[in-house]
Amino acid sequence: MKKSTKNLLFLTSALIAGMHIYNRVVDSNAERKNALKVDNGHYYKWKEGNIFYTKTGTGEPILLIHDTDSGASGEEWAKVAKKLAKNNTVYTIDLLGCGRSDKPSIQYTSYMYVQIITAFVNDVIGKPVNVAATNLSTAPVIMANALSKDLFNKIILINPVSLQQLKCIPDKSTKFKQNIINLPIIGTFIYNKLMSPIKVDLLFRNKFISRGQLISDKMKDAYYESAHKGQSRGKYLYSSILSNYINTNIAPALKNLDKDVSIIASTGIKNNMDVINNYHKLNSKCDIIHIANAKLYPQLELPEKTASIIKKIVTN
């Protein structure tokens, strides 16, 4: 074997070994702060894995669904749930691949989340429920309603994804990205770098929260832990999002939706009003509620105001 080839093999082995060590360090540190508590919740056994949820309060049920993101969890609803629980039975859920729920190495799709939401409402809640969902999770809620008309009472969409984005489908380029992220060592390393503490901080400052002074370490710790909990297996959801497998065209279902639908739209998101107007054009019954001084997650940034809006919607 030529010396140059030996050197290349040595460097490659050293590089992979370094990635493996980095991944192990991330694994050991990810849950060190224990930001995602499990002692206040329960697990619902679904066919692909156990799903964590919380139940608080008494009264008519409300289901709060976080964004479909490997770093997201029901924790984003904690403050809102506490306020709503004064008058309602409030459920929060960690979707499969997120938070404290299992993170199997499967293809994550919008229809899978339709199945989870439908099964959870039927098996755990046991009656029609008011539902509030965030960003990418709004799509499976719309589709679940289309397939099961008696699942929901009132539907609340918080900063839903653009209809154009939801029409994007997997192609060779996105599938290639997915395959790279799904690789055992190299893919995990790339994912861990993309979900590093610095990257998480930038996500909060640039996308999630409009005012930097409101970003707490607790928020970021919960997001980081969710992304890396279970040896960074959140990468399988991340790669499915990256490859557009989570997307689904909801336009026909939205157009024919006959429930009371309210959209909470943050004015602090660029082009968000255009996105919301497209929803309203498809279904003029959608009630639009603007919320200022917030970006993607008003439930984190303005929990009292968000809870007040939801309470008003479900009681009218």
C-alpha atoms as a PDB file:
ATOM      1  CA  MET A   1       0.000   0.000   0.000  1.00  0.00           C
ATOM      2  CA  LYS A   2       1.339   3.423  -0.951  1.00  0.00           C
ATOM      3  CA  LYS A   3       2.339   5.785   1.828  1.00  0.00           C
ATOM      4  CA  SER A   4      -0.123   8.440   0.576  1.00  0.00           C
ATOM      5  CA  THR A   5      -2.964   5.925   0.748  1.00  0.00           C
ATOM      6  CA  LYS A   6      -1.946   4.902   4.266  1.00  0.00           C
ATOM      7  CA  ASN A   7      -1.874   8.547   5.317  1.00  0.00           C
ATOM      8  CA  LEU A   8      -5.316   9.126   3.835  1.00  0.00           C
ATOM      9  CA  LEU A   9      -6.738   6.103   5.633  1.00  0.00           C
ATOM     10  CA  PHE A  10      -5.139   7.232   8.880  1.00  0.00           C
ATOM     11  CA  LEU A  11      -6.517  10.749   8.562  1.00  0.00           C
ATOM     12  CA  THR A  12      -9.972   9.430   7.639  1.00  0.00           C
ATOM     13  CA  SER A  13      -9.975   7.066  10.617  1.00  0.00           C
ATOM     14  CA  ALA A  14      -8.800   9.842  12.928  1.00  0.00           C
ATOM     15  CA  LEU A  15     -11.492  12.172  11.615  1.00  0.00           C
ATOM     16  CA  ILE A  16     -14.259   9.605  12.111  1.00  0.00           C
ATOM     17  CA  ALA A  17     -12.908   8.794  15.573  1.00  0.00           C
ATOM     18  CA  GLY A  18     -12.980  12.493  16.421  1.00  0.00           C
ATOM     19  CA  MET A  19     -16.581  12.763  15.226  1.00  0.00           C
ATOM     20  CA  HIS A  20     -17.529   9.749  17.318  1.00  0.00           C
ATOM     21  CA  ILE A  21     -15.943  11.264  20.426  1.00  0.00           C
ATOM     22  CA  TYR A  22     -17.741  14.566  19.789  1.00  0.00           C
ATOM     23  CA  ASN A  23     -21.054  12.716  19.438  1.00  0.00           C
ATOM     24  CA  ARG A  24     -20.442  10.888  22.714  1.00  0.00           C
ATOM     25  CA  VAL A  25     -19.699  14.173  24.492  1.00  0.00           C
ATOM     26  CA  VAL A  26     -22.957  15.658  23.175  1.00  0.00           C
ATOM     27  CA  ASP A  27     -24.832  12.538  24.343  1.00  0.00           C
ATOM     28  CA  SER A  28     -23.383  12.757  27.843  1.00  0.00           C
ATOM     29  CA  ASN A  29     -24.122  16.492  28.185  1.00  0.00           C
ATOM     30  CA  ALA A  30     -27.523  16.684  26.482  1.00  0.00           C
ATOM     31  CA  GLU A  31     -29.614  15.705  29.502  1.00  0.00           C
ATOM     32  CA  ARG A  32     -27.273  17.016  32.196  1.00  0.00           C
ATOM     33  CA  LYS A  33     -29.547  19.930  33.117  1.00  0.00           C
ATOM     34  CA  ASN A  34     -32.701  17.785  33.149  1.00  0.00           C
ATOM     35  CA  ALA A  35     -34.710  20.566  31.494  1.00  0.00           C
ATOM     36  CA  LEU A  36     -37.468  18.217  30.358  1.00  0.00           C
ATOM     37  CA  LYS A  37     -39.180  16.819  33.442  1.00  0.00           C
ATOM     38  CA  VAL A  38     -41.129  13.567  33.207  1.00  0.00           C
ATOM     39  CA  ASP A  39     -42.497  13.289  36.743  1.00  0.00           C
ATOM     40  CA  ASN A  40     -45.552  15.417  35.892  1.00  0.00           C
ATOM     41  CA  GLY A  41     -46.604  13.416  32.864  1.00  0.00           C
ATOM     42  CA  HIS A  42     -47.746  10.126  31.398  1.00  0.00           C
ATOM     43  CA  TYR A  43     -46.926   7.938  28.414  1.00  0.00           C
ATOM     44  CA  TYR A  44     -49.344   6.850  25.716  1.00  0.00           C
ATOM     45  CA  LYS A  45     -48.244   3.650  23.994  1.00  0.00           C
ATOM     46  CA  TRP A  46     -48.553   4.071  20.233  1.00  0.00           C
ATOM     47  CA  LYS A  47     -47.562   1.478  17.646  1.00  0.00           C
ATOM     48  CA  GLU A  48     -44.248   3.179  16.749  1.00  0.00           C
ATOM     49  CA  GLY A  49     -43.270   4.252  20.255  1.00  0.00           C
ATOM     50  CA  ASN A  50     -44.256   5.769  23.577  1.00  0.00           C
ATOM     51  CA  ILE A  51     -45.609   9.316  23.494  1.00  0.00           C
ATOM     52  CA  PHE A  52     -45.234  11.633  26.477  1.00  0.00           C
ATOM     53  CA  TYR A  53     -48.092  13.906  27.508  1.00  0.00           C
ATOM     54  CA  THR A  54     -49.314  15.978  30.418  1.00  0.00           C
ATOM     55  CA  LYS A  55     -52.828  16.481  31.736  1.00  0.00           C
ATOM     56  CA  THR A  56     -53.778  19.315  34.091  1.00  0.00           C
ATOM     57  CA  GLY A  57     -56.926  21.108  35.242  1.00  0.00           C
ATOM     58  CA  THR A  58     -60.602  20.273  34.899  1.00  0.00           C
ATOM     59  CA  GLY A  59     -63.314  21.255  32.451  1.00  0.00           C
ATOM     60  CA  GLU A  60     -63.705  21.065  28.679  1.00  0.00           C
ATOM     61  CA  PRO A  61     -60.524  19.631  27.141  1.00  0.00           C
ATOM     62  CA  ILE A  62     -57.950  21.601  25.170  1.00  0.00           C
ATOM     63  CA  LEU A  63     -55.090  19.894  23.321  1.00  0.00           C
ATOM     64  CA  LEU A  64     -51.924  21.967  22.802  1.00  0.00           C
ATOM     65  CA  ILE A  65     -49.567  20.706  20.082  1.00  0.00           C
ATOM     66  CA  HIS A  66     -46.030  22.043  19.720  1.00  0.00           C
ATOM     67  CA  ASP A  67     -44.230  22.722  16.445  1.00  0.00           C
ATOM     68  CA  THR A  68     -43.023  19.705  14.474  1.00  0.00           C
ATOM     69  CA  ASP A  69     -39.316  20.164  15.129  1.00  0.00           C
ATOM     70  CA  SER A  70     -36.729  17.858  16.664  1.00  0.00           C
ATOM     71  CA  GLY A  71     -35.956  20.486  19.316  1.00  0.00           C
ATOM     72  CA  ALA A  72     -39.593  21.207  20.122  1.00  0.00           C
ATOM     73  CA  SER A  73     -41.644  19.695  22.926  1.00  0.00           C
ATOM     74  CA  GLY A  74     -44.779  20.267  24.961  1.00  0.00           C
ATOM     75  CA  GLU A  75     -42.605  22.393  27.223  1.00  0.00           C
ATOM     76  CA  GLU A  76     -43.215  25.350  24.891  1.00  0.00           C
ATOM     77  CA  TRP A  77     -46.805  25.330  26.188  1.00  0.00           C
ATOM     78  CA  ALA A  78     -45.993  25.082  29.911  1.00  0.00           C
ATOM     79  CA  LYS A  79     -46.943  28.632  30.920  1.00  0.00           C
ATOM     80  CA  VAL A  80     -50.034  28.759  28.692  1.00  0.00           C
ATOM     81  CA  ALA A  81     -51.200  25.348  29.928  1.00  0.00           C
ATOM     82  CA  LYS A  82     -50.929  26.502  33.537  1.00  0.00           C
ATOM     83  CA  LYS A  83     -53.201  29.471  32.874  1.00  0.00           C
ATOM     84  CA  LEU A  84     -55.747  27.543  30.802  1.00  0.00           C
ATOM     85  CA  ALA A  85     -55.915  24.755  33.395  1.00  0.00           C
ATOM     86  CA  LYS A  86     -57.833  27.098  35.718  1.00  0.00           C
ATOM     87  CA  ASN A  87     -60.952  26.497  33.606  1.00  0.00           C
ATOM     88  CA  ASN A  88     -60.154  23.560  31.316  1.00  0.00           C
ATOM     89  CA  THR A  89     -58.583  20.130  31.203  1.00  0.00           C
ATOM     90  CA  VAL A  90     -55.378  20.858  29.302  1.00  0.00           C
ATOM     91  CA  TYR A  91     -53.337  18.252  27.465  1.00  0.00           C
ATOM     92  CA  THR A  92     -49.858  18.878  26.073  1.00  0.00           C
ATOM     93  CA  ILE A  93     -48.137  16.264  23.951  1.00  0.00           C
ATOM     94  CA  ASP A  94     -44.572  15.556  22.860  1.00  0.00           C
ATOM     95  CA  LEU A  95     -44.975  14.286  19.318  1.00  0.00           C
ATOM     96  CA  LEU A  96     -43.039  11.185  18.288  1.00  0.00           C
ATOM     97  CA  GLY A  97     -39.436  12.187  17.562  1.00  0.00           C
ATOM     98  CA  CYS A  98     -39.632  15.142  19.937  1.00  0.00           C
ATOM     99  CA  GLY A  99     -39.037  15.927  23.583  1.00  0.00           C
ATOM    100  CA  ARG A 100     -39.593  13.069  26.012  1.00  0.00           C
ATOM    101  CA  SER A 101     -41.279  10.777  23.495  1.00  0.00           C
ATOM    102  CA  ASP A 102     -39.535   7.924  21.709  1.00  0.00           C
ATOM    103  CA  LYS A 103     -37.470   8.767  18.630  1.00  0.00           C
ATOM    104  CA  PRO A 104     -37.460   5.721  16.360  1.00  0.00           C
ATOM    105  CA  SER A 105     -35.278   5.678  13.242  1.00  0.00           C
ATOM    106  CA  ILE A 106     -38.215   5.835  10.827  1.00  0.00           C
ATOM    107  CA  GLN A 107     -39.485   8.076   8.066  1.00  0.00           C
ATOM    108  CA  TYR A 108     -41.505  10.865   9.700  1.00  0.00           C
ATOM    109  CA  THR A 109     -44.455  12.086   7.647  1.00  0.00           C
ATOM    110  CA  SER A 110     -47.390  14.391   8.093  1.00  0.00           C
ATOM    111  CA  TYR A 111     -49.755  11.443   7.801  1.00  0.00           C
ATOM    112  CA  MET A 112     -47.957   9.697  10.659  1.00  0.00           C
ATOM    113  CA  TYR A 113     -48.707  12.717  12.841  1.00  0.00           C
ATOM    114  CA  VAL A 114     -52.309  12.678  11.619  1.00  0.00           C
ATOM    115  CA  GLN A 115     -52.505   9.101  12.920  1.00  0.00           C
ATOM    116  CA  ILE A 116     -50.894  10.019  16.251  1.00  0.00           C
ATOM    117  CA  ILE A 117     -53.159  13.001  16.873  1.00  0.00           C
ATOM    118  CA  THR A 118     -56.269  11.022  15.909  1.00  0.00           C
ATOM    119  CA  ALA A 119     -55.332   8.062  18.100  1.00  0.00           C
ATOM    120  CA  PHE A 120     -54.410  10.297  21.044  1.00  0.00           C
ATOM    121  CA  VAL A 121     -57.719  12.166  20.968  1.00  0.00           C
ATOM    122  CA  ASN A 122     -59.720   8.946  20.663  1.00  0.00           C
ATOM    123  CA  ASP A 123     -57.763   6.795  23.132  1.00  0.00           C
ATOM    124  CA  VAL A 124     -56.587   9.290  25.768  1.00  0.00           C
ATOM    125  CA  ILE A 125     -58.990  12.243  25.687  1.00  0.00           C
ATOM    126  CA  GLY A 126     -61.998  10.202  24.596  1.00  0.00           C
ATOM    127  CA  LYS A 127     -64.137  13.062  23.288  1.00  0.00           C
ATOM    128  CA  PRO A 128     -63.993  15.918  20.749  1.00  0.00           C
ATOM    129  CA  VAL A 129     -61.447  18.516  21.834  1.00  0.00           C
ATOM    130  CA  ASN A 130     -60.483  22.112  21.155  1.00  0.00           C
ATOM    131  CA  VAL A 131     -57.016  22.082  19.635  1.00  0.00           C
ATOM    132  CA  ALA A 132     -54.222  24.624  19.207  1.00  0.00           C
ATOM    133  CA  ALA A 133     -51.225  23.772  17.024  1.00  0.00           C
ATOM    134  CA  THR A 134     -48.077  25.615  16.029  1.00  0.00           C
ATOM    135  CA  ASN A 135     -46.363  26.196  12.681  1.00  0.00           C
ATOM    136  CA  LEU A 136     -45.676  22.875  10.905  1.00  0.00           C
ATOM    137  CA  SER A 137     -47.969  20.925  13.256  1.00  0.00           C
ATOM    138  CA  THR A 138     -50.963  22.852  11.966  1.00  0.00           C
ATOM    139  CA  ALA A 139     -50.938  20.788   8.748  1.00  0.00           C
ATOM    140  CA  PRO A 140     -51.609  17.355  10.339  1.00  0.00           C
ATOM    141  CA  VAL A 141     -54.331  18.954  12.473  1.00  0.00           C
ATOM    142  CA  ILE A 142     -56.113  20.182   9.330  1.00  0.00           C
ATOM    143  CA  MET A 143     -55.708  16.767   7.697  1.00  0.00           C
ATOM    144  CA  ALA A 144     -56.835  14.907  10.839  1.00  0.00           C
ATOM    145  CA  ASN A 145     -60.008  16.999  10.842  1.00  0.00           C
ATOM    146  CA  ALA A 146     -60.614  16.177   7.174  1.00  0.00           C
ATOM    147  CA  LEU A 147     -60.406  12.446   7.923  1.00  0.00           C
ATOM    148  CA  SER A 148     -62.273  12.502  11.252  1.00  0.00           C
ATOM    149  CA  LYS A 149     -64.983  15.161  11.359  1.00  0.00           C
ATOM    150  CA  ASP A 150     -65.839  14.550  15.026  1.00  0.00           C
ATOM    151  CA  LEU A 151     -62.268  14.836  16.320  1.00  0.00           C
ATOM    152  CA  PHE A 152     -62.149  18.566  17.076  1.00  0.00           C
ATOM    153  CA  ASN A 153     -64.471  21.303  18.203  1.00  0.00           C
ATOM    154  CA  LYS A 154     -62.596  24.536  17.551  1.00  0.00           C
ATOM    155  CA  ILE A 155     -59.251  24.679  15.769  1.00  0.00           C
ATOM    156  CA  ILE A 156     -56.568  27.272  16.509  1.00  0.00           C
ATOM    157  CA  LEU A 157     -53.573  27.615  14.193  1.00  0.00           C
ATOM    158  CA  ILE A 158     -50.564  29.584  15.437  1.00  0.00           C
ATOM    159  CA  ASN A 159     -48.354  30.961  12.661  1.00  0.00           C
ATOM    160  CA  PRO A 160     -49.078  28.115  10.215  1.00  0.00           C
ATOM    161  CA  VAL A 161     -46.572  27.228   7.523  1.00  0.00           C
ATOM    162  CA  SER A 162     -47.131  28.729   4.070  1.00  0.00           C
ATOM    163  CA  LEU A 163     -49.313  26.730   1.714  1.00  0.00           C
ATOM    164  CA  GLN A 164     -46.541  26.944  -0.888  1.00  0.00           C
ATOM    165  CA  GLN A 165     -44.011  25.334   1.437  1.00  0.00           C
ATOM    166  CA  LEU A 166     -46.420  22.524   2.274  1.00  0.00           C
ATOM    167  CA  LYS A 167     -46.629  21.657  -1.425  1.00  0.00           C
ATOM    168  CA  CYS A 168     -42.866  20.984  -1.641  1.00  0.00           C
ATOM    169  CA  ILE A 169     -42.190  17.278  -2.071  1.00  0.00           C
ATOM    170  CA  PRO A 170     -39.056  15.108  -1.748  1.00  0.00           C
ATOM    171  CA  ASP A 171     -36.662  15.120  -4.688  1.00  0.00           C
ATOM    172  CA  LYS A 172     -33.171  13.738  -5.345  1.00  0.00           C
ATOM    173  CA  SER A 173     -31.501  16.685  -3.642  1.00  0.00           C
ATOM    174  CA  THR A 174     -33.587  16.559  -0.450  1.00  0.00           C
ATOM    175  CA  LYS A 175     -33.352  12.757  -0.275  1.00  0.00           C
ATOM    176  CA  PHE A 176     -29.567  13.008  -0.537  1.00  0.00           C
ATOM    177  CA  LYS A 177     -29.509  15.409   2.417  1.00  0.00           C
ATOM    178  CA  GLN A 178     -31.679  13.026   4.385  1.00  0.00           C
ATOM    179  CA  ASN A 179     -29.390  10.091   3.665  1.00  0.00           C
ATOM    180  CA  ILE A 180     -26.364  12.072   4.839  1.00  0.00           C
ATOM    181  CA  ILE A 181     -27.986  13.106   8.140  1.00  0.00           C
ATOM    182  CA  ASN A 182     -29.134   9.521   8.748  1.00  0.00           C
ATOM    183  CA  LEU A 183     -25.571   8.161   8.546  1.00  0.00           C
ATOM    184  CA  PRO A 184     -24.488   6.661  11.894  1.00  0.00           C
ATOM    185  CA  ILE A 185     -21.408   8.743  12.822  1.00  0.00           C
ATOM    186  CA  ILE A 186     -20.928  11.409  10.165  1.00  0.00           C
ATOM    187  CA  GLY A 187     -24.640  12.229   9.937  1.00  0.00           C
ATOM    188  CA  THR A 188     -24.995  12.414  13.700  1.00  0.00           C
ATOM    189  CA  PHE A 189     -21.955  14.707  13.852  1.00  0.00           C
ATOM    190  CA  ILE A 190     -23.449  17.054  11.246  1.00  0.00           C
ATOM    191  CA  TYR A 191     -26.781  17.071  13.070  1.00  0.00           C
ATOM    192  CA  ASN A 192     -25.082  17.788  16.398  1.00  0.00           C
ATOM    193  CA  LYS A 193     -23.229  20.715  14.869  1.00  0.00           C
ATOM    194  CA  LEU A 194     -26.452  22.052  13.345  1.00  0.00           C
ATOM    195  CA  MET A 195     -28.099  21.772  16.761  1.00  0.00           C
ATOM    196  CA  SER A 196     -25.181  23.086  18.827  1.00  0.00           C
ATOM    197  CA  PRO A 197     -25.838  25.529  21.713  1.00  0.00           C
ATOM    198  CA  ILE A 198     -24.696  28.417  19.507  1.00  0.00           C
ATOM    199  CA  LYS A 199     -27.060  27.399  16.694  1.00  0.00           C
ATOM    200  CA  VAL A 200     -29.938  26.978  19.164  1.00  0.00           C
ATOM    201  CA  ASP A 201     -29.296  30.466  20.529  1.00  0.00           C
ATOM    202  CA  LEU A 202     -29.389  31.893  17.000  1.00  0.00           C
ATOM    203  CA  LEU A 203     -32.671  30.082  16.280  1.00  0.00           C
ATOM    204  CA  PHE A 204     -34.277  31.698  19.305  1.00  0.00           C
ATOM    205  CA  ARG A 205     -32.948  35.154  18.449  1.00  0.00           C
ATOM    206  CA  ASN A 206     -33.635  35.090  14.719  1.00  0.00           C
ATOM    207  CA  LYS A 207     -36.734  32.938  14.420  1.00  0.00           C
ATOM    208  CA  PHE A 208     -38.534  32.048  17.645  1.00  0.00           C
ATOM    209  CA  ILE A 209     -38.522  35.162  19.858  1.00  0.00           C
ATOM    210  CA  SER A 210     -38.642  38.822  18.803  1.00  0.00           C
ATOM    211  CA  ARG A 211     -37.066  40.296  21.933  1.00  0.00           C
ATOM    212  CA  GLY A 212     -33.740  38.859  22.989  1.00  0.00           C
ATOM    213  CA  GLN A 213     -34.168  39.844  26.630  1.00  0.00           C
ATOM    214  CA  LEU A 214     -37.085  37.404  26.913  1.00  0.00           C
ATOM    215  CA  ILE A 215     -35.002  34.401  25.893  1.00  0.00           C
ATOM    216  CA  SER A 216     -34.239  32.389  29.010  1.00  0.00           C
ATOM    217  CA  ASP A 217     -31.627  29.689  29.474  1.00  0.00           C
ATOM    218  CA  LYS A 218     -34.482  27.390  30.497  1.00  0.00           C
ATOM    219  CA  MET A 219     -36.122  27.782  27.068  1.00  0.00           C
ATOM    220  CA  LYS A 220     -32.884  27.035  25.242  1.00  0.00           C
ATOM    221  CA  ASP A 221     -31.959  24.155  27.541  1.00  0.00           C
ATOM    222  CA  ALA A 222     -35.315  22.457  26.900  1.00  0.00           C
ATOM    223  CA  TYR A 223     -34.928  22.863  23.133  1.00  0.00           C
ATOM    224  CA  TYR A 224     -31.336  21.598  23.166  1.00  0.00           C
ATOM    225  CA  GLU A 225     -32.216  18.615  25.358  1.00  0.00           C
ATOM    226  CA  SER A 226     -35.146  17.696  23.126  1.00  0.00           C
ATOM    227  CA  ALA A 227     -32.936  17.833  20.038  1.00  0.00           C
ATOM    228  CA  HIS A 228     -30.289  15.533  21.544  1.00  0.00           C
ATOM    229  CA  LYS A 229     -32.237  13.351  23.974  1.00  0.00           C
ATOM    230  CA  GLY A 230     -31.828   9.648  23.213  1.00  0.00           C
ATOM    231  CA  GLN A 231     -28.381   9.884  21.600  1.00  0.00           C
ATOM    232  CA  SER A 232     -29.425  12.608  19.166  1.00  0.00           C
ATOM    233  CA  ARG A 233     -32.048  10.409  17.545  1.00  0.00           C
ATOM    234  CA  GLY A 234     -34.017  13.560  16.855  1.00  0.00           C
ATOM    235  CA  LYS A 235     -31.937  13.633  13.690  1.00  0.00           C
ATOM    236  CA  TYR A 236     -34.384  11.250  12.019  1.00  0.00           C
ATOM    237  CA  LEU A 237     -37.208  13.752  12.349  1.00  0.00           C
ATOM    238  CA  TYR A 238     -34.828  16.549  11.344  1.00  0.00           C
ATOM    239  CA  SER A 239     -33.814  14.698   8.165  1.00  0.00           C
ATOM    240  CA  SER A 240     -37.459  13.972   7.319  1.00  0.00           C
ATOM    241  CA  ILE A 241     -38.245  17.687   7.608  1.00  0.00           C
ATOM    242  CA  LEU A 242     -35.159  18.544   5.553  1.00  0.00           C
ATOM    243  CA  SER A 243     -36.260  16.170   2.805  1.00  0.00           C
ATOM    244  CA  ASN A 244     -39.869  17.513   2.745  1.00  0.00           C
ATOM    245  CA  TYR A 245     -41.457  14.243   3.887  1.00  0.00           C
ATOM    246  CA  ILE A 246     -43.289  16.161   6.609  1.00  0.00           C
ATOM    247  CA  ASN A 247     -45.034  18.361   4.055  1.00  0.00           C
ATOM    248  CA  THR A 248     -48.527  17.718   2.749  1.00  0.00           C
ATOM    249  CA  ASN A 249     -50.792  19.789   0.536  1.00  0.00           C
ATOM    250  CA  ILE A 250     -53.592  20.890   2.856  1.00  0.00           C
ATOM    251  CA  ALA A 251     -55.269  23.261   0.387  1.00  0.00           C
ATOM    252  CA  PRO A 252     -58.270  21.000  -0.454  1.00  0.00           C
ATOM    253  CA  ALA A 253     -58.841  20.124   3.213  1.00  0.00           C
ATOM    254  CA  LEU A 254     -58.539  23.764   4.268  1.00  0.00           C
ATOM    255  CA  LYS A 255     -60.935  24.897   1.558  1.00  0.00           C
ATOM    256  CA  ASN A 256     -63.584  22.398   2.695  1.00  0.00           C
ATOM    257  CA  LEU A 257     -63.011  22.856   6.421  1.00  0.00           C
ATOM    258  CA  ASP A 258     -66.333  23.568   8.106  1.00  0.00           C
ATOM    259  CA  LYS A 259     -65.175  24.034  11.715  1.00  0.00           C
ATOM    260  CA  ASP A 260     -64.557  27.256  13.598  1.00  0.00           C
ATOM    261  CA  VAL A 261     -60.936  28.042  12.751  1.00  0.00           C
ATOM    262  CA  SER A 262     -58.895  30.850  14.253  1.00  0.00           C
ATOM    263  CA  ILE A 263     -55.390  31.813  13.145  1.00  0.00           C
ATOM    264  CA  ILE A 264     -53.108  33.615  15.588  1.00  0.00           C
ATOM    265  CA  ALA A 265     -50.630  35.482  13.407  1.00  0.00           C
ATOM    266  CA  SER A 266     -47.502  37.192  14.719  1.00  0.00           C
ATOM    267  CA  THR A 267     -46.850  40.512  13.018  1.00  0.00           C
ATOM    268  CA  GLY A 268     -43.131  40.205  13.803  1.00  0.00           C
ATOM    269  CA  ILE A 269     -42.556  37.499  11.173  1.00  0.00           C
ATOM    270  CA  LYS A 270     -41.521  38.687   7.715  1.00  0.00           C
ATOM    271  CA  ASN A 271     -44.180  37.997   5.053  1.00  0.00           C
ATOM    272  CA  ASN A 272     -46.389  36.275   7.621  1.00  0.00           C
ATOM    273  CA  MET A 273     -49.414  38.359   6.699  1.00  0.00           C
ATOM    274  CA  ASP A 274     -49.137  37.169   3.093  1.00  0.00           C
ATOM    275  CA  VAL A 275     -49.088  33.577   4.334  1.00  0.00           C
ATOM    276  CA  ILE A 276     -52.149  34.121   6.514  1.00  0.00           C
ATOM    277  CA  ASN A 277     -54.027  35.966   3.759  1.00  0.00           C
ATOM    278  CA  ASN A 278     -53.558  32.932   1.508  1.00  0.00           C
ATOM    279  CA  TYR A 279     -55.213  30.791   4.173  1.00  0.00           C
ATOM    280  CA  HIS A 280     -58.087  33.264   4.365  1.00  0.00           C
ATOM    281  CA  LYS A 281     -58.478  33.306   0.581  1.00  0.00           C
ATOM    282  CA  LEU A 282     -58.956  29.541   0.585  1.00  0.00           C
ATOM    283  CA  ASN A 283     -61.347  29.615   3.518  1.00  0.00           C
ATOM    284  CA  SER A 284     -62.959  32.939   4.383  1.00  0.00           C
ATOM    285  CA  LYS A 285     -64.325  31.439   7.619  1.00  0.00           C
ATOM    286  CA  CYS A 286     -60.839  31.597   9.136  1.00  0.00           C
ATOM    287  CA  ASP A 287     -60.806  34.243  11.848  1.00  0.00           C
ATOM    288  CA  ILE A 288     -57.489  36.105  11.882  1.00  0.00           C
ATOM    289  CA  ILE A 289     -56.120  37.409  15.178  1.00  0.00           C
ATOM    290  CA  HIS A 290     -52.958  39.494  14.966  1.00  0.00           C
ATOM    291  CA  ILE A 291     -50.489  39.448  17.814  1.00  0.00           C
ATOM    292  CA  ALA A 292     -47.714  42.059  18.022  1.00  0.00           C
ATOM    293  CA  ASN A 293     -44.282  41.872  19.654  1.00  0.00           C
ATOM    294  CA  ALA A 294     -43.871  38.183  18.876  1.00  0.00           C
ATOM    295  CA  LYS A 295     -42.277  35.911  16.316  1.00  0.00           C
ATOM    296  CA  LEU A 296     -42.873  32.204  15.700  1.00  0.00           C
ATOM    297  CA  TYR A 297     -43.760  31.154  19.256  1.00  0.00           C
ATOM    298  CA  PRO A 298     -46.021  33.695  20.973  1.00  0.00           C
ATOM    299  CA  GLN A 299     -46.849  31.007  23.563  1.00  0.00           C
ATOM    300  CA  LEU A 300     -43.246  31.366  24.760  1.00  0.00           C
ATOM    301  CA  GLU A 301     -42.918  35.105  24.294  1.00  0.00           C
ATOM    302  CA  LEU A 302     -46.386  36.263  25.348  1.00  0.00           C
ATOM    303  CA  PRO A 303     -47.891  33.368  27.327  1.00  0.00           C
ATOM    304  CA  GLU A 304     -50.501  35.450  29.185  1.00  0.00           C
ATOM    305  CA  LYS A 305     -51.770  37.098  26.013  1.00  0.00           C
ATOM    306  CA  THR A 306     -51.720  33.831  24.077  1.00  0.00           C
ATOM    307  CA  ALA A 307     -53.626  32.039  26.847  1.00  0.00           C
ATOM    308  CA  SER A 308     -56.153  34.871  26.969  1.00  0.00           C
ATOM    309  CA  ILE A 309     -56.752  34.654  23.208  1.00  0.00           C
ATOM    310  CA  ILE A 310     -57.175  30.862  23.318  1.00  0.00           C
ATOM    311  CA  LYS A 311     -59.516  31.083  26.297  1.00  0.00           C
ATOM    312  CA  LYS A 312     -61.663  33.646  24.488  1.00  0.00           C
ATOM    313  CA  ILE A 313     -61.823  31.500  21.345  1.00  0.00           C
ATOM    314  CA  VAL A 314     -62.860  28.294  23.106  1.00  0.00           C
ATOM    315  CA  THR A 315     -65.458  29.944  25.350  1.00  0.00           C
ATOM    316  CA  ASN A 316     -67.251  31.936  22.620  1.00  0.00           C
END
